[in-house]
Amino acid sequence: MITTINIPETTDQFTELLHRVQAGEEILLAQNGVAIARLVPIQPHTQPRIPGQDKGKVAIAPDFNAPLPDHILNDFFNSNLPNP
């Protein structure tokens, strides 16, 4: 179940909202009726991470560490973007 609550109402109800989230409810926080954030319970990992389980599924290109071509480097060094 999803409940939408406007932010001014959350000040007095924050602890209650957290208990509801812990119980599995999803709470949308809204500002002037527009949802801007969502409170959801954190789901625990269902299985432990196993080192090496993706072995053979990832390929790294032989030129991974090779220098970038000049035309790409020039885009970095001669950018037309304004300085911050």
PDB file of N, CA and C in Angstrom:
ATOM      1  N   MET A   1       0.831  -1.175   0.000  1.00  0.00           N
ATOM      2  CA  MET A   1       0.000   0.000   0.000  1.00  0.00           C
ATOM      3  C   MET A   1       0.876   1.240   0.000  1.00  0.00           C
ATOM      4  N   ILE A   2       0.524   2.240  -0.829  1.00  0.00           N
ATOM      5  CA  ILE A   2       1.273   3.481  -0.917  1.00  0.00           C
ATOM      6  C   ILE A   2       0.420   4.608  -0.346  1.00  0.00           C
ATOM      7  N   THR A   3       1.028   5.376   0.548  1.00  0.00           N
ATOM      8  CA  THR A   3       0.353   6.508   1.155  1.00  0.00           C
ATOM      9  C   THR A   3       1.104   7.777   0.786  1.00  0.00           C
ATOM     10  N   THR A   4       0.376   8.824   0.383  1.00  0.00           N
ATOM     11  CA  THR A   4       0.997  10.112   0.067  1.00  0.00           C
ATOM     12  C   THR A   4       0.714  11.076   1.200  1.00  0.00           C
ATOM     13  N   ILE A   5       1.775  11.726   1.688  1.00  0.00           N
ATOM     14  CA  ILE A   5       1.652  12.672   2.799  1.00  0.00           C
ATOM     15  C   ILE A   5       2.403  13.943   2.424  1.00  0.00           C
ATOM     16  N   ASN A   6       1.764  15.084   2.625  1.00  0.00           N
ATOM     17  CA  ASN A   6       2.421  16.361   2.368  1.00  0.00           C
ATOM     18  C   ASN A   6       3.451  16.637   3.456  1.00  0.00           C
ATOM     19  N   ILE A   7       4.552  17.234   3.075  1.00  0.00           N
ATOM     20  CA  ILE A   7       5.698  17.417   3.971  1.00  0.00           C
ATOM     21  C   ILE A   7       5.337  18.115   5.282  1.00  0.00           C
ATOM     22  N   PRO A   8       4.528  19.191   5.292  1.00  0.00           N
ATOM     23  CA  PRO A   8       4.223  19.816   6.589  1.00  0.00           C
ATOM     24  C   PRO A   8       3.585  18.846   7.592  1.00  0.00           C
ATOM     25  N   GLU A   9       2.872  17.845   7.105  1.00  0.00           N
ATOM     26  CA  GLU A   9       2.237  16.871   7.998  1.00  0.00           C
ATOM     27  C   GLU A   9       3.238  15.875   8.576  1.00  0.00           C
ATOM     28  N   THR A  10       4.400  15.738   7.951  1.00  0.00           N
ATOM     29  CA  THR A  10       5.357  14.721   8.394  1.00  0.00           C
ATOM     30  C   THR A  10       6.093  15.106   9.665  1.00  0.00           C
ATOM     31  N   THR A  11       6.163  16.391   9.967  1.00  0.00           N
ATOM     32  CA  THR A  11       6.927  16.847  11.129  1.00  0.00           C
ATOM     33  C   THR A  11       6.469  16.169  12.409  1.00  0.00           C
ATOM     34  N   ASP A  12       5.174  16.129  12.605  1.00  0.00           N
ATOM     35  CA  ASP A  12       4.648  15.544  13.840  1.00  0.00           C
ATOM     36  C   ASP A  12       4.505  14.027  13.768  1.00  0.00           C
ATOM     37  N   GLN A  13       4.546  13.469  12.565  1.00  0.00           N
ATOM     38  CA  GLN A  13       4.270  12.042  12.390  1.00  0.00           C
ATOM     39  C   GLN A  13       5.489  11.221  11.998  1.00  0.00           C
ATOM     40  N   PHE A  14       6.684  11.811  12.032  1.00  0.00           N
ATOM     41  CA  PHE A  14       7.843  11.139  11.461  1.00  0.00           C
ATOM     42  C   PHE A  14       8.102   9.765  12.078  1.00  0.00           C
ATOM     43  N   THR A  15       8.065   9.664  13.384  1.00  0.00           N
ATOM     44  CA  THR A  15       8.310   8.375  14.037  1.00  0.00           C
ATOM     45  C   THR A  15       7.258   7.362  13.619  1.00  0.00           C
ATOM     46  N   GLU A  16       6.008   7.781  13.575  1.00  0.00           N
ATOM     47  CA  GLU A  16       4.937   6.878  13.149  1.00  0.00           C
ATOM     48  C   GLU A  16       5.145   6.438  11.700  1.00  0.00           C
ATOM     49  N   LEU A  17       5.574   7.360  10.841  1.00  0.00           N
ATOM     50  CA  LEU A  17       5.820   7.024   9.437  1.00  0.00           C
ATOM     51  C   LEU A  17       6.926   5.979   9.316  1.00  0.00           C
ATOM     52  N   LEU A  18       7.982   6.133  10.113  1.00  0.00           N
ATOM     53  CA  LEU A  18       9.075   5.157  10.068  1.00  0.00           C
ATOM     54  C   LEU A  18       8.602   3.779  10.521  1.00  0.00           C
ATOM     55  N   HIS A  19       7.746   3.724  11.520  1.00  0.00           N
ATOM     56  CA  HIS A  19       7.198   2.430  11.959  1.00  0.00           C
ATOM     57  C   HIS A  19       6.371   1.798  10.835  1.00  0.00           C
ATOM     58  N   ARG A  20       5.616   2.623  10.132  1.00  0.00           N
ATOM     59  CA  ARG A  20       4.804   2.093   9.033  1.00  0.00           C
ATOM     60  C   ARG A  20       5.689   1.578   7.902  1.00  0.00           C
ATOM     61  N   VAL A  21       6.798   2.289   7.630  1.00  0.00           N
ATOM     62  CA  VAL A  21       7.735   1.829   6.602  1.00  0.00           C
ATOM     63  C   VAL A  21       8.379   0.517   7.027  1.00  0.00           C
ATOM     64  N   GLN A  22       8.763   0.415   8.306  1.00  0.00           N
ATOM     65  CA  GLN A  22       9.339  -0.834   8.813  1.00  0.00           C
ATOM     66  C   GLN A  22       8.366  -1.989   8.667  1.00  0.00           C
ATOM     67  N   ALA A  23       7.089  -1.689   8.710  1.00  0.00           N
ATOM     68  CA  ALA A  23       6.069  -2.732   8.574  1.00  0.00           C
ATOM     69  C   ALA A  23       5.816  -3.090   7.113  1.00  0.00           C
ATOM     70  N   GLY A  24       6.516  -2.401   6.183  1.00  0.00           N
ATOM     71  CA  GLY A  24       6.403  -2.753   4.772  1.00  0.00           C
ATOM     72  C   GLY A  24       5.633  -1.764   3.917  1.00  0.00           C
ATOM     73  N   GLU A  25       5.142  -0.691   4.506  1.00  0.00           N
ATOM     74  CA  GLU A  25       4.371   0.294   3.750  1.00  0.00           C
ATOM     75  C   GLU A  25       5.304   1.260   3.022  1.00  0.00           C
ATOM     76  N   GLU A  26       4.881   1.744   1.875  1.00  0.00           N
ATOM     77  CA  GLU A  26       5.623   2.740   1.115  1.00  0.00           C
ATOM     78  C   GLU A  26       4.943   4.088   1.321  1.00  0.00           C
ATOM     79  N   ILE A  27       5.745   5.110   1.645  1.00  0.00           N
ATOM     80  CA  ILE A  27       5.212   6.443   1.913  1.00  0.00           C
ATOM     81  C   ILE A  27       5.786   7.408   0.883  1.00  0.00           C
ATOM     82  N   LEU A  28       4.918   8.134   0.174  1.00  0.00           N
ATOM     83  CA  LEU A  28       5.358   9.189  -0.739  1.00  0.00           C
ATOM     84  C   LEU A  28       5.273  10.517  -0.006  1.00  0.00           C
ATOM     85  N   LEU A  29       6.363  11.273  -0.028  1.00  0.00           N
ATOM     86  CA  LEU A  29       6.360  12.603   0.560  1.00  0.00           C
ATOM     87  C   LEU A  29       6.087  13.590  -0.567  1.00  0.00           C
ATOM     88  N   ALA A  30       5.138  14.482  -0.336  1.00  0.00           N
ATOM     89  CA  ALA A  30       4.713  15.403  -1.381  1.00  0.00           C
ATOM     90  C   ALA A  30       4.858  16.839  -0.926  1.00  0.00           C
ATOM     91  N   GLN A  31       5.087  17.706  -1.898  1.00  0.00           N
ATOM     92  CA  GLN A  31       5.126  19.139  -1.650  1.00  0.00           C
ATOM     93  C   GLN A  31       4.068  19.758  -2.545  1.00  0.00           C
ATOM     94  N   ASN A  32       3.088  20.370  -1.950  1.00  0.00           N
ATOM     95  CA  ASN A  32       1.950  20.932  -2.687  1.00  0.00           C
ATOM     96  C   ASN A  32       1.272  19.873  -3.550  1.00  0.00           C
ATOM     97  N   GLY A  33       1.183  18.660  -3.037  1.00  0.00           N
ATOM     98  CA  GLY A  33       0.494  17.586  -3.745  1.00  0.00           C
ATOM     99  C   GLY A  33       1.329  16.873  -4.794  1.00  0.00           C
ATOM    100  N   VAL A  34       2.599  17.295  -4.985  1.00  0.00           N
ATOM    101  CA  VAL A  34       3.475  16.667  -5.980  1.00  0.00           C
ATOM    102  C   VAL A  34       4.521  15.820  -5.254  1.00  0.00           C
ATOM    103  N   ALA A  35       4.565  14.541  -5.564  1.00  0.00           N
ATOM    104  CA  ALA A  35       5.505  13.631  -4.904  1.00  0.00           C
ATOM    105  C   ALA A  35       6.939  14.040  -5.216  1.00  0.00           C
ATOM    106  N   ILE A  36       7.773  14.142  -4.156  1.00  0.00           N
ATOM    107  CA  ILE A  36       9.175  14.510  -4.350  1.00  0.00           C
ATOM    108  C   ILE A  36      10.142  13.501  -3.749  1.00  0.00           C
ATOM    109  N   ALA A  37       9.635  12.611  -2.893  1.00  0.00           N
ATOM    110  CA  ALA A  37      10.511  11.602  -2.275  1.00  0.00           C
ATOM    111  C   ALA A  37       9.666  10.400  -1.884  1.00  0.00           C
ATOM    112  N   ARG A  38      10.359   9.283  -1.680  1.00  0.00           N
ATOM    113  CA  ARG A  38       9.666   8.047  -1.328  1.00  0.00           C
ATOM    114  C   ARG A  38      10.409   7.379  -0.176  1.00  0.00           C
ATOM    115  N   LEU A  39       9.680   6.988   0.845  1.00  0.00           N
ATOM    116  CA  LEU A  39      10.238   6.213   1.948  1.00  0.00           C
ATOM    117  C   LEU A  39       9.835   4.761   1.732  1.00  0.00           C
ATOM    118  N   VAL A  40      10.819   3.897   1.610  1.00  0.00           N
ATOM    119  CA  VAL A  40      10.546   2.471   1.397  1.00  0.00           C
ATOM    120  C   VAL A  40      11.434   1.664   2.339  1.00  0.00           C
ATOM    121  N   PRO A  41      10.983   0.489   2.749  1.00  0.00           N
ATOM    122  CA  PRO A  41      11.835  -0.341   3.594  1.00  0.00           C
ATOM    123  C   PRO A  41      13.024  -0.877   2.785  1.00  0.00           C
ATOM    124  N   ILE A  42      14.134  -1.013   3.456  1.00  0.00           N
ATOM    125  CA  ILE A  42      15.320  -1.584   2.812  1.00  0.00           C
ATOM    126  C   ILE A  42      15.168  -3.097   2.789  1.00  0.00           C
ATOM    127  N   GLN A  43      15.344  -3.666   1.618  1.00  0.00           N
ATOM    128  CA  GLN A  43      15.226  -5.116   1.468  1.00  0.00           C
ATOM    129  C   GLN A  43      16.589  -5.761   1.726  1.00  0.00           C
ATOM    130  N   PRO A  44      16.655  -6.721   2.622  1.00  0.00           N
ATOM    131  CA  PRO A  44      17.940  -7.399   2.862  1.00  0.00           C
ATOM    132  C   PRO A  44      18.342  -8.230   1.646  1.00  0.00           C
ATOM    133  N   HIS A  45      19.638  -8.415   1.499  1.00  0.00           N
ATOM    134  CA  HIS A  45      20.125  -9.265   0.412  1.00  0.00           C
ATOM    135  C   HIS A  45      19.642 -10.689   0.657  1.00  0.00           C
ATOM    136  N   THR A  46      19.150 -11.320  -0.398  1.00  0.00           N
ATOM    137  CA  THR A  46      18.607 -12.665  -0.231  1.00  0.00           C
ATOM    138  C   THR A  46      19.680 -13.741  -0.283  1.00  0.00           C
ATOM    139  N   GLN A  47      20.809 -13.437  -0.891  1.00  0.00           N
ATOM    140  CA  GLN A  47      21.874 -14.432  -0.948  1.00  0.00           C
ATOM    141  C   GLN A  47      23.217 -13.729  -0.751  1.00  0.00           C
ATOM    142  N   PRO A  48      24.155 -14.402  -0.145  1.00  0.00           N
ATOM    143  CA  PRO A  48      25.464 -13.776   0.054  1.00  0.00           C
ATOM    144  C   PRO A  48      26.211 -13.654  -1.267  1.00  0.00           C
ATOM    145  N   ARG A  49      27.076 -12.662  -1.321  1.00  0.00           N
ATOM    146  CA  ARG A  49      27.914 -12.497  -2.506  1.00  0.00           C
ATOM    147  C   ARG A  49      28.970 -13.598  -2.515  1.00  0.00           C
ATOM    148  N   ILE A  50      29.177 -14.195  -3.669  1.00  0.00           N
ATOM    149  CA  ILE A  50      30.137 -15.279  -3.810  1.00  0.00           C
ATOM    150  C   ILE A  50      31.249 -14.810  -4.744  1.00  0.00           C
ATOM    151  N   PRO A  51      32.475 -14.711  -4.237  1.00  0.00           N
ATOM    152  CA  PRO A  51      33.575 -14.273  -5.093  1.00  0.00           C
ATOM    153  C   PRO A  51      33.730 -15.195  -6.307  1.00  0.00           C
ATOM    154  N   GLY A  52      33.891 -14.591  -7.469  1.00  0.00           N
ATOM    155  CA  GLY A  52      34.111 -15.351  -8.685  1.00  0.00           C
ATOM    156  C   GLY A  52      32.860 -15.855  -9.366  1.00  0.00           C
ATOM    157  N   GLN A  53      31.680 -15.499  -8.875  1.00  0.00           N
ATOM    158  CA  GLN A  53      30.454 -16.045  -9.463  1.00  0.00           C
ATOM    159  C   GLN A  53      30.200 -15.536 -10.889  1.00  0.00           C
ATOM    160  N   ASP A  54      30.837 -14.435 -11.276  1.00  0.00           N
ATOM    161  CA  ASP A  54      30.666 -13.917 -12.630  1.00  0.00           C
ATOM    162  C   ASP A  54      31.886 -14.174 -13.510  1.00  0.00           C
ATOM    163  N   LYS A  55      32.738 -15.079 -13.084  1.00  0.00           N
ATOM    164  CA  LYS A  55      33.941 -15.385 -13.849  1.00  0.00           C
ATOM    165  C   LYS A  55      33.553 -15.848 -15.252  1.00  0.00           C
ATOM    166  N   GLY A  56      34.207 -15.270 -16.248  1.00  0.00           N
ATOM    167  CA  GLY A  56      33.931 -15.620 -17.631  1.00  0.00           C
ATOM    168  C   GLY A  56      32.789 -14.818 -18.249  1.00  0.00           C
ATOM    169  N   LYS A  57      32.113 -13.990 -17.455  1.00  0.00           N
ATOM    170  CA  LYS A  57      30.998 -13.198 -17.975  1.00  0.00           C
ATOM    171  C   LYS A  57      31.407 -11.767 -18.318  1.00  0.00           C
ATOM    172  N   VAL A  58      32.592 -11.357 -17.881  1.00  0.00           N
ATOM    173  CA  VAL A  58      33.064 -10.000 -18.115  1.00  0.00           C
ATOM    174  C   VAL A  58      34.312 -10.056 -18.963  1.00  0.00           C
ATOM    175  N   ALA A  59      34.326  -9.229 -20.009  1.00  0.00           N
ATOM    176  CA  ALA A  59      35.504  -9.176 -20.877  1.00  0.00           C
ATOM    177  C   ALA A  59      36.066  -7.756 -20.861  1.00  0.00           C
ATOM    178  N   ILE A  60      37.364  -7.650 -20.701  1.00  0.00           N
ATOM    179  CA  ILE A  60      38.030  -6.360 -20.734  1.00  0.00           C
ATOM    180  C   ILE A  60      38.809  -6.291 -22.040  1.00  0.00           C
ATOM    181  N   ALA A  61      38.572  -5.222 -22.783  1.00  0.00           N
ATOM    182  CA  ALA A  61      39.215  -5.060 -24.091  1.00  0.00           C
ATOM    183  C   ALA A  61      40.729  -5.011 -23.921  1.00  0.00           C
ATOM    184  N   PRO A  62      41.469  -5.585 -24.869  1.00  0.00           N
ATOM    185  CA  PRO A  62      42.930  -5.591 -24.762  1.00  0.00           C
ATOM    186  C   PRO A  62      43.523  -4.184 -24.724  1.00  0.00           C
ATOM    187  N   ASP A  63      42.830  -3.199 -25.316  1.00  0.00           N
ATOM    188  CA  ASP A  63      43.344  -1.822 -25.338  1.00  0.00           C
ATOM    189  C   ASP A  63      42.720  -0.959 -24.241  1.00  0.00           C
ATOM    190  N   PHE A  64      42.239  -1.580 -23.185  1.00  0.00           N
ATOM    191  CA  PHE A  64      41.555  -0.856 -22.105  1.00  0.00           C
ATOM    192  C   PHE A  64      42.402   0.290 -21.558  1.00  0.00           C
ATOM    193  N   ASN A  65      43.678   0.058 -21.339  1.00  0.00           N
ATOM    194  CA  ASN A  65      44.567   1.078 -20.776  1.00  0.00           C
ATOM    195  C   ASN A  65      45.303   1.894 -21.824  1.00  0.00           C
ATOM    196  N   ALA A  66      44.982   1.717 -23.095  1.00  0.00           N
ATOM    197  CA  ALA A  66      45.656   2.457 -24.156  1.00  0.00           C
ATOM    198  C   ALA A  66      45.258   3.933 -24.096  1.00  0.00           C
ATOM    199  N   PRO A  67      46.159   4.809 -24.506  1.00  0.00           N
ATOM    200  CA  PRO A  67      45.819   6.236 -24.530  1.00  0.00           C
ATOM    201  C   PRO A  67      44.642   6.495 -25.470  1.00  0.00           C
ATOM    202  N   LEU A  68      43.872   7.507 -25.134  1.00  0.00           N
ATOM    203  CA  LEU A  68      42.755   7.880 -25.991  1.00  0.00           C
ATOM    204  C   LEU A  68      43.260   8.500 -27.281  1.00  0.00           C
ATOM    205  N   PRO A  69      42.517   8.353 -28.366  1.00  0.00           N
ATOM    206  CA  PRO A  69      42.913   8.979 -29.629  1.00  0.00           C
ATOM    207  C   PRO A  69      42.927  10.507 -29.482  1.00  0.00           C
ATOM    208  N   ASP A  70      43.759  11.161 -30.287  1.00  0.00           N
ATOM    209  CA  ASP A  70      43.916  12.620 -30.205  1.00  0.00           C
ATOM    210  C   ASP A  70      42.598  13.363 -30.377  1.00  0.00           C
ATOM    211  N   HIS A  71      41.732  12.908 -31.284  1.00  0.00           N
ATOM    212  CA  HIS A  71      40.484  13.648 -31.518  1.00  0.00           C
ATOM    213  C   HIS A  71      39.567  13.626 -30.281  1.00  0.00           C
ATOM    214  N   ILE A  72      39.673  12.608 -29.471  1.00  0.00           N
ATOM    215  CA  ILE A  72      38.883  12.565 -28.237  1.00  0.00           C
ATOM    216  C   ILE A  72      39.552  13.409 -27.158  1.00  0.00           C
ATOM    217  N   LEU A  73      40.868  13.305 -27.041  1.00  0.00           N
ATOM    218  CA  LEU A  73      41.591  14.125 -26.068  1.00  0.00           C
ATOM    219  C   LEU A  73      41.381  15.608 -26.341  1.00  0.00           C
ATOM    220  N   ASN A  74      41.362  15.990 -27.610  1.00  0.00           N
ATOM    221  CA  ASN A  74      41.149  17.393 -27.957  1.00  0.00           C
ATOM    222  C   ASN A  74      39.798  17.893 -27.468  1.00  0.00           C
ATOM    223  N   ASP A  75      38.798  17.030 -27.480  1.00  0.00           N
ATOM    224  CA  ASP A  75      37.484  17.432 -26.972  1.00  0.00           C
ATOM    225  C   ASP A  75      37.541  17.750 -25.477  1.00  0.00           C
ATOM    226  N   PHE A  76      38.391  17.044 -24.735  1.00  0.00           N
ATOM    227  CA  PHE A  76      38.535  17.327 -23.311  1.00  0.00           C
ATOM    228  C   PHE A  76      39.288  18.619 -23.067  1.00  0.00           C
ATOM    229  N   PHE A  77      40.372  18.819 -23.772  1.00  0.00           N
ATOM    230  CA  PHE A  77      41.239  19.961 -23.518  1.00  0.00           C
ATOM    231  C   PHE A  77      40.782  21.233 -24.208  1.00  0.00           C
ATOM    232  N   ASN A  78      40.027  21.146 -25.285  1.00  0.00           N
ATOM    233  CA  ASN A  78      39.581  22.322 -26.026  1.00  0.00           C
ATOM    234  C   ASN A  78      38.068  22.437 -26.006  1.00  0.00           C
ATOM    235  N   SER A  79      37.492  22.154 -24.879  1.00  0.00           N
ATOM    236  CA  SER A  79      36.033  22.169 -24.757  1.00  0.00           C
ATOM    237  C   SER A  79      35.507  23.595 -24.870  1.00  0.00           C
ATOM    238  N   ASN A  80      34.340  23.734 -25.474  1.00  0.00           N
ATOM    239  CA  ASN A  80      33.684  25.038 -25.583  1.00  0.00           C
ATOM    240  C   ASN A  80      32.724  25.289 -24.438  1.00  0.00           C
ATOM    241  N   LEU A  81      32.764  24.410 -23.449  1.00  0.00           N
ATOM    242  CA  LEU A  81      31.880  24.575 -22.296  1.00  0.00           C
ATOM    243  C   LEU A  81      32.393  25.719 -21.425  1.00  0.00           C
ATOM    244  N   PRO A  82      31.482  26.484 -20.810  1.00  0.00           N
ATOM    245  CA  PRO A  82      31.924  27.573 -19.938  1.00  0.00           C
ATOM    246  C   PRO A  82      32.589  27.031 -18.675  1.00  0.00           C
ATOM    247  N   ASN A  83      33.536  27.772 -18.158  1.00  0.00           N
ATOM    248  CA  ASN A  83      34.208  27.377 -16.915  1.00  0.00           C
ATOM    249  C   ASN A  83      33.289  27.643 -15.743  1.00  0.00           C
ATOM    250  N   PRO A  84      33.236  26.734 -14.758  1.00  0.00           N
ATOM    251  CA  PRO A  84      32.343  26.960 -13.596  1.00  0.00           C
ATOM    252  C   PRO A  84      32.830  28.071 -12.711  1.00  0.00           C
TER     253      PRO A  84
END
